[in-house]
């Protein structure tokens, strides 16, 4: 793992593959660390002829955190947004999109393929729209556009996501059970839920960094980001939208709306996939990323 100073934060990152190959930047989702892009997924993508870079977004993992003793007041956040006021939050998704470009600058990468999952898809969308000259292609996975007319997640799922978890250093078993219950709820029904692998991943994230406030701060960043459809309509690079039929957090209509908002975007709706990326779908997803990347007219030999 390496650390780079980017904008006003430090970002932790790891690289797979040949540094002379075209770069693919993997952007993680809400409150999750770069290791959610597993070693095997990164290696599979690198074997297709890409330099694969995963990193911890600001406020998670081994990157800079914005720690606060006070938990986010979701009611106050909602009231401010409803009244048209700008909530006082530490950073926005635009700041996080700027981190992606700053990472490219720090690594002396002129242009890259962006791949984001969930919140990471939103960040990739913003980076592609604000810095199109730096983006070769865009792949948005299990994400959305911010369209206020889209169906929301059920109150049950949102309640599970925002419910405080036990402190893992005081009640490790309770924390793991809490995290596993939510992971299983959003995983979908088409593929086996590998509980032991998830248990190891949850504990590895705790060992790397534990910050229960980061999820709330990133939810706030999402909440103020607004409707991205006008910005997506201007995109000209190759784009792919991947979504699951069983996604309970961003329902399939969110993926359809994303694809419809980007000119000439491909849409891959995967039966049985939830808000998760199981090993059984790695090859399908990697195929899609590679196919989209090659649409820019370049080949491995170039």
C-alpha atoms as a PDB file:
ATOM      1  CA  UNK A   1       0.000   0.000   0.000  1.00  0.00           C
ATOM      2  CA  UNK A   2       1.138   3.534  -0.810  1.00  0.00           C
ATOM      3  CA  UNK A   3       0.057   6.982   0.400  1.00  0.00           C
ATOM      4  CA  UNK A   4      -0.086  10.101  -1.779  1.00  0.00           C
ATOM      5  CA  UNK A   5      -0.922  13.705  -0.925  1.00  0.00           C
ATOM      6  CA  UNK A   6      -3.845  14.676  -3.177  1.00  0.00           C
ATOM      7  CA  UNK A   7      -5.520  18.080  -2.917  1.00  0.00           C
ATOM      8  CA  UNK A   8      -5.995  18.575   0.838  1.00  0.00           C
ATOM      9  CA  UNK A   9      -6.015  14.894   1.803  1.00  0.00           C
ATOM     10  CA  UNK A  10      -3.830  11.810   1.825  1.00  0.00           C
ATOM     11  CA  UNK A  11      -5.102   8.870  -0.236  1.00  0.00           C
ATOM     12  CA  UNK A  12      -4.045   5.259   0.226  1.00  0.00           C
ATOM     13  CA  UNK A  13      -3.803   3.240  -2.987  1.00  0.00           C
ATOM     14  CA  UNK A  14      -2.536   0.008  -4.502  1.00  0.00           C
ATOM     15  CA  UNK A  15      -1.628  -0.826  -8.095  1.00  0.00           C
ATOM     16  CA  UNK A  16      -1.862  -4.087 -10.053  1.00  0.00           C
ATOM     17  CA  UNK A  17      -0.402  -4.912 -13.464  1.00  0.00           C
ATOM     18  CA  UNK A  18       2.026  -3.166 -15.803  1.00  0.00           C
ATOM     19  CA  UNK A  19       2.387   0.548 -15.049  1.00  0.00           C
ATOM     20  CA  UNK A  20       2.767   1.239 -18.793  1.00  0.00           C
ATOM     21  CA  UNK A  21      -0.710  -0.137 -19.601  1.00  0.00           C
ATOM     22  CA  UNK A  22      -3.824   2.036 -19.706  1.00  0.00           C
ATOM     23  CA  UNK A  23      -5.029   2.712 -16.188  1.00  0.00           C
ATOM     24  CA  UNK A  24      -8.335   1.601 -14.679  1.00  0.00           C
ATOM     25  CA  UNK A  25      -9.278   3.438 -11.488  1.00  0.00           C
ATOM     26  CA  UNK A  26     -11.598   1.480  -9.165  1.00  0.00           C
ATOM     27  CA  UNK A  27     -13.738   3.701  -6.916  1.00  0.00           C
ATOM     28  CA  UNK A  28     -15.339   2.158  -3.828  1.00  0.00           C
ATOM     29  CA  UNK A  29     -18.810   2.705  -2.417  1.00  0.00           C
ATOM     30  CA  UNK A  30     -20.329   4.280   0.675  1.00  0.00           C
ATOM     31  CA  UNK A  31     -18.209   3.772   3.769  1.00  0.00           C
ATOM     32  CA  UNK A  32     -16.338   0.856   2.215  1.00  0.00           C
ATOM     33  CA  UNK A  33     -12.624   0.451   1.688  1.00  0.00           C
ATOM     34  CA  UNK A  34     -10.627  -0.293  -1.432  1.00  0.00           C
ATOM     35  CA  UNK A  35     -10.298  -3.953  -0.446  1.00  0.00           C
ATOM     36  CA  UNK A  36     -13.949  -4.428  -1.479  1.00  0.00           C
ATOM     37  CA  UNK A  37     -12.330  -4.512  -4.923  1.00  0.00           C
ATOM     38  CA  UNK A  38     -10.730  -7.846  -4.098  1.00  0.00           C
ATOM     39  CA  UNK A  39      -7.235  -8.933  -5.090  1.00  0.00           C
ATOM     40  CA  UNK A  40      -8.686 -11.553  -7.434  1.00  0.00           C
ATOM     41  CA  UNK A  41     -10.931  -9.014  -9.191  1.00  0.00           C
ATOM     42  CA  UNK A  42      -8.045  -6.552  -9.609  1.00  0.00           C
ATOM     43  CA  UNK A  43      -5.720  -9.294 -10.885  1.00  0.00           C
ATOM     44  CA  UNK A  44      -8.321 -10.554 -13.347  1.00  0.00           C
ATOM     45  CA  UNK A  45      -8.704  -7.060 -14.763  1.00  0.00           C
ATOM     46  CA  UNK A  46      -4.928  -6.499 -14.871  1.00  0.00           C
ATOM     47  CA  UNK A  47      -4.545  -9.718 -16.873  1.00  0.00           C
ATOM     48  CA  UNK A  48      -6.645  -8.088 -19.607  1.00  0.00           C
ATOM     49  CA  UNK A  49      -3.869  -5.566 -20.202  1.00  0.00           C
ATOM     50  CA  UNK A  50      -4.651  -2.755 -17.740  1.00  0.00           C
ATOM     51  CA  UNK A  51      -2.877  -1.070 -14.889  1.00  0.00           C
ATOM     52  CA  UNK A  52      -5.479  -1.408 -12.133  1.00  0.00           C
ATOM     53  CA  UNK A  53      -5.494   1.077  -9.274  1.00  0.00           C
ATOM     54  CA  UNK A  54      -7.743   0.812  -6.230  1.00  0.00           C
ATOM     55  CA  UNK A  55      -7.760   3.428  -3.486  1.00  0.00           C
ATOM     56  CA  UNK A  56      -9.458   4.409  -0.251  1.00  0.00           C
ATOM     57  CA  UNK A  57     -11.797   7.354  -0.701  1.00  0.00           C
ATOM     58  CA  UNK A  58     -11.282  10.215   1.720  1.00  0.00           C
ATOM     59  CA  UNK A  59     -12.782   9.447   5.145  1.00  0.00           C
ATOM     60  CA  UNK A  60     -12.376   5.653   4.906  1.00  0.00           C
ATOM     61  CA  UNK A  61      -9.628   3.075   5.208  1.00  0.00           C
ATOM     62  CA  UNK A  62      -6.092   4.416   5.387  1.00  0.00           C
ATOM     63  CA  UNK A  63      -6.876   7.754   3.733  1.00  0.00           C
ATOM     64  CA  UNK A  64      -7.519  11.022   5.596  1.00  0.00           C
ATOM     65  CA  UNK A  65     -10.501  10.925   7.978  1.00  0.00           C
ATOM     66  CA  UNK A  66     -12.798  13.731   9.114  1.00  0.00           C
ATOM     67  CA  UNK A  67     -13.460  12.449  12.605  1.00  0.00           C
ATOM     68  CA  UNK A  68     -16.106  14.072  14.772  1.00  0.00           C
ATOM     69  CA  UNK A  69     -17.488  13.274  18.193  1.00  0.00           C
ATOM     70  CA  UNK A  70     -20.973  14.273  17.065  1.00  0.00           C
ATOM     71  CA  UNK A  71     -23.006  11.921  14.859  1.00  0.00           C
ATOM     72  CA  UNK A  72     -24.655  13.308  11.747  1.00  0.00           C
ATOM     73  CA  UNK A  73     -28.168  14.646  12.386  1.00  0.00           C
ATOM     74  CA  UNK A  74     -30.116  13.172   9.467  1.00  0.00           C
ATOM     75  CA  UNK A  75     -33.285  15.073  10.367  1.00  0.00           C
ATOM     76  CA  UNK A  76     -31.444  18.397  10.344  1.00  0.00           C
ATOM     77  CA  UNK A  77     -29.778  17.477   7.053  1.00  0.00           C
ATOM     78  CA  UNK A  78     -33.134  16.641   5.468  1.00  0.00           C
ATOM     79  CA  UNK A  79     -34.760  19.820   6.809  1.00  0.00           C
ATOM     80  CA  UNK A  80     -31.960  21.988   5.420  1.00  0.00           C
ATOM     81  CA  UNK A  81     -32.225  20.390   1.988  1.00  0.00           C
ATOM     82  CA  UNK A  82     -36.022  20.731   1.946  1.00  0.00           C
ATOM     83  CA  UNK A  83     -35.721  24.428   2.756  1.00  0.00           C
ATOM     84  CA  UNK A  84     -33.176  24.989   0.003  1.00  0.00           C
ATOM     85  CA  UNK A  85     -30.319  25.650   2.398  1.00  0.00           C
ATOM     86  CA  UNK A  86     -26.805  24.336   1.955  1.00  0.00           C
ATOM     87  CA  UNK A  87     -25.959  22.065   4.907  1.00  0.00           C
ATOM     88  CA  UNK A  88     -22.605  22.537   6.573  1.00  0.00           C
ATOM     89  CA  UNK A  89     -20.771  19.336   5.655  1.00  0.00           C
ATOM     90  CA  UNK A  90     -17.027  18.591   5.519  1.00  0.00           C
ATOM     91  CA  UNK A  91     -16.894  17.595   1.814  1.00  0.00           C
ATOM     92  CA  UNK A  92     -19.021  16.811  -1.241  1.00  0.00           C
ATOM     93  CA  UNK A  93     -19.024  14.211  -4.002  1.00  0.00           C
ATOM     94  CA  UNK A  94     -17.452  16.857  -6.240  1.00  0.00           C
ATOM     95  CA  UNK A  95     -14.547  17.019  -3.809  1.00  0.00           C
ATOM     96  CA  UNK A  96     -14.251  13.242  -4.007  1.00  0.00           C
ATOM     97  CA  UNK A  97     -14.352  13.389  -7.820  1.00  0.00           C
ATOM     98  CA  UNK A  98     -11.529  15.905  -7.589  1.00  0.00           C
ATOM     99  CA  UNK A  99      -9.594  13.354  -5.529  1.00  0.00           C
ATOM    100  CA  UNK A 100      -9.778  10.893  -8.431  1.00  0.00           C
ATOM    101  CA  UNK A 101      -8.263  13.428 -10.821  1.00  0.00           C
ATOM    102  CA  UNK A 102      -5.727  14.459  -8.198  1.00  0.00           C
ATOM    103  CA  UNK A 103      -4.696  10.825  -7.882  1.00  0.00           C
ATOM    104  CA  UNK A 104      -4.143  10.691 -11.657  1.00  0.00           C
ATOM    105  CA  UNK A 105      -2.018  13.829 -11.424  1.00  0.00           C
ATOM    106  CA  UNK A 106       0.051  12.439  -8.552  1.00  0.00           C
ATOM    107  CA  UNK A 107       0.673   9.227 -10.496  1.00  0.00           C
ATOM    108  CA  UNK A 108       1.448  11.103 -13.737  1.00  0.00           C
ATOM    109  CA  UNK A 109      -1.470   9.428 -15.528  1.00  0.00           C
ATOM    110  CA  UNK A 110      -2.908  11.566 -18.295  1.00  0.00           C
ATOM    111  CA  UNK A 111      -6.162   9.671 -18.888  1.00  0.00           C
ATOM    112  CA  UNK A 112      -7.816   6.638 -17.320  1.00  0.00           C
ATOM    113  CA  UNK A 113     -10.846   4.392 -17.398  1.00  0.00           C
ATOM    114  CA  UNK A 114     -13.089   5.016 -14.374  1.00  0.00           C
ATOM    115  CA  UNK A 115     -15.044   2.207 -12.719  1.00  0.00           C
ATOM    116  CA  UNK A 116     -17.204   2.994  -9.698  1.00  0.00           C
ATOM    117  CA  UNK A 117     -19.630   0.972  -7.606  1.00  0.00           C
ATOM    118  CA  UNK A 118     -22.576   2.483  -5.712  1.00  0.00           C
ATOM    119  CA  UNK A 119     -21.386   5.860  -4.362  1.00  0.00           C
ATOM    120  CA  UNK A 120     -18.211   5.239  -6.342  1.00  0.00           C
ATOM    121  CA  UNK A 121     -20.342   5.198  -9.489  1.00  0.00           C
ATOM    122  CA  UNK A 122     -21.633   8.654  -8.585  1.00  0.00           C
ATOM    123  CA  UNK A 123     -18.081   9.888  -8.057  1.00  0.00           C
ATOM    124  CA  UNK A 124     -17.023   8.404 -11.407  1.00  0.00           C
ATOM    125  CA  UNK A 125     -19.983  10.094 -13.118  1.00  0.00           C
ATOM    126  CA  UNK A 126     -19.002  13.476 -11.689  1.00  0.00           C
ATOM    127  CA  UNK A 127     -15.319  13.061 -12.541  1.00  0.00           C
ATOM    128  CA  UNK A 128     -16.200  12.080 -16.120  1.00  0.00           C
ATOM    129  CA  UNK A 129     -18.541  15.044 -16.536  1.00  0.00           C
ATOM    130  CA  UNK A 130     -16.247  17.632 -14.947  1.00  0.00           C
ATOM    131  CA  UNK A 131     -12.962  16.356 -16.393  1.00  0.00           C
ATOM    132  CA  UNK A 132     -13.910  14.599 -19.670  1.00  0.00           C
ATOM    133  CA  UNK A 133     -10.460  15.148 -21.138  1.00  0.00           C
ATOM    134  CA  UNK A 134      -9.028  12.889 -18.395  1.00  0.00           C
ATOM    135  CA  UNK A 135     -11.477   9.997 -18.771  1.00  0.00           C
ATOM    136  CA  UNK A 136     -11.190   7.286 -21.449  1.00  0.00           C
ATOM    137  CA  UNK A 137     -14.328   5.388 -20.460  1.00  0.00           C
ATOM    138  CA  UNK A 138     -16.877   5.168 -17.643  1.00  0.00           C
ATOM    139  CA  UNK A 139     -18.354   2.095 -15.997  1.00  0.00           C
ATOM    140  CA  UNK A 140     -21.034   2.794 -13.377  1.00  0.00           C
ATOM    141  CA  UNK A 141     -22.020  -0.231 -11.273  1.00  0.00           C
ATOM    142  CA  UNK A 142     -25.081  -0.481  -8.976  1.00  0.00           C
ATOM    143  CA  UNK A 143     -25.359   3.311  -8.850  1.00  0.00           C
ATOM    144  CA  UNK A 144     -27.831   6.089  -9.676  1.00  0.00           C
ATOM    145  CA  UNK A 145     -28.197   9.607 -11.103  1.00  0.00           C
ATOM    146  CA  UNK A 146     -29.647  11.556  -8.199  1.00  0.00           C
ATOM    147  CA  UNK A 147     -32.945  11.873 -10.080  1.00  0.00           C
ATOM    148  CA  UNK A 148     -35.452  12.741  -7.307  1.00  0.00           C
ATOM    149  CA  UNK A 149     -38.261  10.965  -9.161  1.00  0.00           C
ATOM    150  CA  UNK A 150     -36.593   7.551  -8.880  1.00  0.00           C
ATOM    151  CA  UNK A 151     -38.002   5.001  -6.395  1.00  0.00           C
ATOM    152  CA  UNK A 152     -36.087   5.135  -3.101  1.00  0.00           C
ATOM    153  CA  UNK A 153     -34.784   2.208  -1.106  1.00  0.00           C
ATOM    154  CA  UNK A 154     -37.303   0.762   1.300  1.00  0.00           C
ATOM    155  CA  UNK A 155     -37.395   2.252   4.826  1.00  0.00           C
ATOM    156  CA  UNK A 156     -36.353  -1.177   6.130  1.00  0.00           C
ATOM    157  CA  UNK A 157     -33.138  -1.200   4.071  1.00  0.00           C
ATOM    158  CA  UNK A 158     -32.342   2.430   4.873  1.00  0.00           C
ATOM    159  CA  UNK A 159     -32.970   1.733   8.547  1.00  0.00           C
ATOM    160  CA  UNK A 160     -30.555  -1.187   8.474  1.00  0.00           C
ATOM    161  CA  UNK A 161     -27.907   0.904   6.718  1.00  0.00           C
ATOM    162  CA  UNK A 162     -28.085   3.833   9.144  1.00  0.00           C
ATOM    163  CA  UNK A 163     -28.596   1.881  12.375  1.00  0.00           C
ATOM    164  CA  UNK A 164     -25.528   2.285  14.618  1.00  0.00           C
ATOM    165  CA  UNK A 165     -23.431  -0.852  14.891  1.00  0.00           C
ATOM    166  CA  UNK A 166     -21.860  -2.140  18.118  1.00  0.00           C
ATOM    167  CA  UNK A 167     -18.269  -1.046  18.700  1.00  0.00           C
ATOM    168  CA  UNK A 168     -16.140  -3.893  17.273  1.00  0.00           C
ATOM    169  CA  UNK A 169     -13.475  -3.420  19.947  1.00  0.00           C
ATOM    170  CA  UNK A 170     -16.074  -3.896  22.679  1.00  0.00           C
ATOM    171  CA  UNK A 171     -18.410  -6.389  21.000  1.00  0.00           C
ATOM    172  CA  UNK A 172     -16.733  -7.933  17.966  1.00  0.00           C
ATOM    173  CA  UNK A 173     -19.357 -10.672  17.579  1.00  0.00           C
ATOM    174  CA  UNK A 174     -22.193  -8.141  17.701  1.00  0.00           C
ATOM    175  CA  UNK A 175     -20.475  -5.898  15.168  1.00  0.00           C
ATOM    176  CA  UNK A 176     -19.876  -8.791  12.765  1.00  0.00           C
ATOM    177  CA  UNK A 177     -23.461 -10.012  13.105  1.00  0.00           C
ATOM    178  CA  UNK A 178     -24.772  -6.494  12.445  1.00  0.00           C
ATOM    179  CA  UNK A 179     -22.579  -6.101   9.342  1.00  0.00           C
ATOM    180  CA  UNK A 180     -23.307  -9.590   8.014  1.00  0.00           C
ATOM    181  CA  UNK A 181     -27.068  -9.128   8.400  1.00  0.00           C
ATOM    182  CA  UNK A 182     -27.023  -5.992   6.250  1.00  0.00           C
ATOM    183  CA  UNK A 183     -24.621  -7.462   3.690  1.00  0.00           C
ATOM    184  CA  UNK A 184     -26.819 -10.523   3.271  1.00  0.00           C
ATOM    185  CA  UNK A 185     -29.971  -8.393   2.992  1.00  0.00           C
ATOM    186  CA  UNK A 186     -28.638  -6.396   0.031  1.00  0.00           C
ATOM    187  CA  UNK A 187     -26.688  -9.198  -1.684  1.00  0.00           C
ATOM    188  CA  UNK A 188     -29.455 -10.522  -3.942  1.00  0.00           C
ATOM    189  CA  UNK A 189     -30.750 -14.052  -4.405  1.00  0.00           C
ATOM    190  CA  UNK A 190     -28.994 -15.230  -7.553  1.00  0.00           C
ATOM    191  CA  UNK A 191     -25.643 -16.176  -6.044  1.00  0.00           C
ATOM    192  CA  UNK A 192     -24.541 -17.866  -2.823  1.00  0.00           C
ATOM    193  CA  UNK A 193     -23.758 -15.545   0.062  1.00  0.00           C
ATOM    194  CA  UNK A 194     -20.289 -16.536   1.285  1.00  0.00           C
ATOM    195  CA  UNK A 195     -20.650 -15.682   4.947  1.00  0.00           C
ATOM    196  CA  UNK A 196     -17.156 -16.695   6.057  1.00  0.00           C
ATOM    197  CA  UNK A 197     -15.501 -14.630   3.322  1.00  0.00           C
ATOM    198  CA  UNK A 198     -17.592 -11.628   4.309  1.00  0.00           C
ATOM    199  CA  UNK A 199     -16.704 -12.159   7.967  1.00  0.00           C
ATOM    200  CA  UNK A 200     -12.994 -12.001   7.104  1.00  0.00           C
ATOM    201  CA  UNK A 201     -13.522  -8.889   4.959  1.00  0.00           C
ATOM    202  CA  UNK A 202     -15.465  -7.097   7.710  1.00  0.00           C
ATOM    203  CA  UNK A 203     -12.738  -7.794  10.266  1.00  0.00           C
ATOM    204  CA  UNK A 204      -9.993  -6.784   7.833  1.00  0.00           C
ATOM    205  CA  UNK A 205     -11.711  -3.421   7.306  1.00  0.00           C
ATOM    206  CA  UNK A 206     -11.885  -2.931  11.086  1.00  0.00           C
ATOM    207  CA  UNK A 207      -8.172  -3.703  11.393  1.00  0.00           C
ATOM    208  CA  UNK A 208      -7.320  -1.219   8.623  1.00  0.00           C
ATOM    209  CA  UNK A 209      -9.466   1.600  10.024  1.00  0.00           C
ATOM    210  CA  UNK A 210     -12.581   1.949  12.164  1.00  0.00           C
ATOM    211  CA  UNK A 211     -14.551   5.192  11.896  1.00  0.00           C
ATOM    212  CA  UNK A 212     -18.308   4.843  12.476  1.00  0.00           C
ATOM    213  CA  UNK A 213     -18.945   8.473  11.520  1.00  0.00           C
ATOM    214  CA  UNK A 214     -17.662   8.203   7.953  1.00  0.00           C
ATOM    215  CA  UNK A 215     -20.848   6.609   6.599  1.00  0.00           C
ATOM    216  CA  UNK A 216     -22.967   9.510   7.820  1.00  0.00           C
ATOM    217  CA  UNK A 217     -20.587  12.086   6.370  1.00  0.00           C
ATOM    218  CA  UNK A 218     -20.595  10.334   3.009  1.00  0.00           C
ATOM    219  CA  UNK A 219     -24.398  10.033   3.045  1.00  0.00           C
ATOM    220  CA  UNK A 220     -24.441  13.801   3.520  1.00  0.00           C
ATOM    221  CA  UNK A 221     -22.119  14.229   0.537  1.00  0.00           C
ATOM    222  CA  UNK A 222     -24.500  12.137  -1.568  1.00  0.00           C
ATOM    223  CA  UNK A 223     -27.545  14.036  -0.311  1.00  0.00           C
ATOM    224  CA  UNK A 224     -26.255  17.421  -1.461  1.00  0.00           C
ATOM    225  CA  UNK A 225     -24.930  16.245  -4.829  1.00  0.00           C
ATOM    226  CA  UNK A 226     -28.242  16.809  -6.609  1.00  0.00           C
ATOM    227  CA  UNK A 227     -29.469  15.509  -9.960  1.00  0.00           C
ATOM    228  CA  UNK A 228     -26.562  14.501 -12.197  1.00  0.00           C
ATOM    229  CA  UNK A 229     -28.609  13.857 -15.356  1.00  0.00           C
ATOM    230  CA  UNK A 230     -27.821  17.213 -17.029  1.00  0.00           C
ATOM    231  CA  UNK A 231     -24.119  16.561 -16.540  1.00  0.00           C
ATOM    232  CA  UNK A 232     -24.383  12.974 -17.731  1.00  0.00           C
ATOM    233  CA  UNK A 233     -26.154  14.082 -20.907  1.00  0.00           C
ATOM    234  CA  UNK A 234     -22.971  15.845 -22.024  1.00  0.00           C
ATOM    235  CA  UNK A 235     -20.741  12.772 -21.763  1.00  0.00           C
ATOM    236  CA  UNK A 236     -19.184  11.561 -25.017  1.00  0.00           C
ATOM    237  CA  UNK A 237     -16.844   8.780 -23.868  1.00  0.00           C
ATOM    238  CA  UNK A 238     -17.751   5.052 -24.017  1.00  0.00           C
ATOM    239  CA  UNK A 239     -19.931   4.145 -21.044  1.00  0.00           C
ATOM    240  CA  UNK A 240     -21.355   1.021 -19.444  1.00  0.00           C
ATOM    241  CA  UNK A 241     -23.978   0.790 -16.711  1.00  0.00           C
ATOM    242  CA  UNK A 242     -24.175  -2.472 -14.729  1.00  0.00           C
ATOM    243  CA  UNK A 243     -27.052  -3.180 -12.367  1.00  0.00           C
ATOM    244  CA  UNK A 244     -28.709  -6.113 -10.641  1.00  0.00           C
ATOM    245  CA  UNK A 245     -32.354  -7.117 -10.786  1.00  0.00           C
ATOM    246  CA  UNK A 246     -32.306  -7.805  -7.024  1.00  0.00           C
ATOM    247  CA  UNK A 247     -30.712  -4.553  -5.861  1.00  0.00           C
ATOM    248  CA  UNK A 248     -32.795  -3.308  -2.885  1.00  0.00           C
ATOM    249  CA  UNK A 249     -30.704  -0.189  -2.247  1.00  0.00           C
ATOM    250  CA  UNK A 250     -30.722   1.253  -5.756  1.00  0.00           C
ATOM    251  CA  UNK A 251     -33.586  -0.506  -7.505  1.00  0.00           C
ATOM    252  CA  UNK A 252     -33.136  -1.472 -11.192  1.00  0.00           C
ATOM    253  CA  UNK A 253     -34.869   1.725 -12.336  1.00  0.00           C
ATOM    254  CA  UNK A 254     -31.824   3.613 -11.020  1.00  0.00           C
ATOM    255  CA  UNK A 255     -29.540   1.723 -13.370  1.00  0.00           C
ATOM    256  CA  UNK A 256     -31.912   2.208 -16.287  1.00  0.00           C
ATOM    257  CA  UNK A 257     -32.076   5.930 -15.570  1.00  0.00           C
ATOM    258  CA  UNK A 258     -28.275   6.137 -15.510  1.00  0.00           C
ATOM    259  CA  UNK A 259     -27.963   4.376 -18.854  1.00  0.00           C
ATOM    260  CA  UNK A 260     -30.711   6.498 -20.406  1.00  0.00           C
ATOM    261  CA  UNK A 261     -28.993   9.672 -19.224  1.00  0.00           C
ATOM    262  CA  UNK A 262     -25.706   8.927 -21.038  1.00  0.00           C
ATOM    263  CA  UNK A 263     -25.614   9.058 -24.819  1.00  0.00           C
ATOM    264  CA  UNK A 264     -24.919   5.635 -26.357  1.00  0.00           C
ATOM    265  CA  UNK A 265     -24.294   3.950 -22.992  1.00  0.00           C
ATOM    266  CA  UNK A 266     -24.529   0.166 -22.821  1.00  0.00           C
ATOM    267  CA  UNK A 267     -26.783  -1.264 -20.113  1.00  0.00           C
ATOM    268  CA  UNK A 268     -26.099  -4.630 -18.484  1.00  0.00           C
ATOM    269  CA  UNK A 269     -28.916  -5.812 -16.211  1.00  0.00           C
ATOM    270  CA  UNK A 270     -27.809  -8.959 -14.372  1.00  0.00           C
ATOM    271  CA  UNK A 271     -30.438 -11.386 -13.128  1.00  0.00           C
ATOM    272  CA  UNK A 272     -30.155 -12.207  -9.433  1.00  0.00           C
ATOM    273  CA  UNK A 273     -27.453  -9.636  -8.677  1.00  0.00           C
ATOM    274  CA  UNK A 274     -28.113  -7.414  -5.674  1.00  0.00           C
ATOM    275  CA  UNK A 275     -26.108  -4.523  -4.264  1.00  0.00           C
ATOM    276  CA  UNK A 276     -23.028  -6.689  -4.276  1.00  0.00           C
ATOM    277  CA  UNK A 277     -20.394  -8.058  -6.633  1.00  0.00           C
ATOM    278  CA  UNK A 278     -20.064 -11.816  -6.039  1.00  0.00           C
ATOM    279  CA  UNK A 279     -17.101 -13.790  -7.335  1.00  0.00           C
ATOM    280  CA  UNK A 280     -19.336 -15.623  -9.808  1.00  0.00           C
ATOM    281  CA  UNK A 281     -19.862 -12.329 -11.678  1.00  0.00           C
ATOM    282  CA  UNK A 282     -16.247 -11.181 -11.809  1.00  0.00           C
ATOM    283  CA  UNK A 283     -15.634 -12.424 -15.339  1.00  0.00           C
ATOM    284  CA  UNK A 284     -18.912 -10.973 -16.652  1.00  0.00           C
ATOM    285  CA  UNK A 285     -18.139  -7.580 -15.126  1.00  0.00           C
ATOM    286  CA  UNK A 286     -14.485  -7.607 -16.214  1.00  0.00           C
ATOM    287  CA  UNK A 287     -15.599  -8.524 -19.746  1.00  0.00           C
ATOM    288  CA  UNK A 288     -17.918  -5.515 -19.728  1.00  0.00           C
ATOM    289  CA  UNK A 289     -15.235  -3.138 -18.438  1.00  0.00           C
ATOM    290  CA  UNK A 290     -12.748  -4.352 -21.048  1.00  0.00           C
ATOM    291  CA  UNK A 291     -15.284  -4.171 -23.873  1.00  0.00           C
ATOM    292  CA  UNK A 292     -16.182  -0.611 -22.898  1.00  0.00           C
ATOM    293  CA  UNK A 293     -12.524   0.392 -22.616  1.00  0.00           C
ATOM    294  CA  UNK A 294     -11.764  -0.981 -26.086  1.00  0.00           C
ATOM    295  CA  UNK A 295     -14.630   1.059 -27.565  1.00  0.00           C
ATOM    296  CA  UNK A 296     -12.365   4.096 -27.542  1.00  0.00           C
ATOM    297  CA  UNK A 297     -10.606   2.617 -30.563  1.00  0.00           C
ATOM    298  CA  UNK A 298      -7.348   1.692 -28.874  1.00  0.00           C
ATOM    299  CA  UNK A 299      -5.947  -1.819 -28.638  1.00  0.00           C
ATOM    300  CA  UNK A 300      -3.388  -3.562 -26.477  1.00  0.00           C
ATOM    301  CA  UNK A 301      -0.731  -3.220 -29.165  1.00  0.00           C
ATOM    302  CA  UNK A 302      -1.170   0.555 -29.223  1.00  0.00           C
END
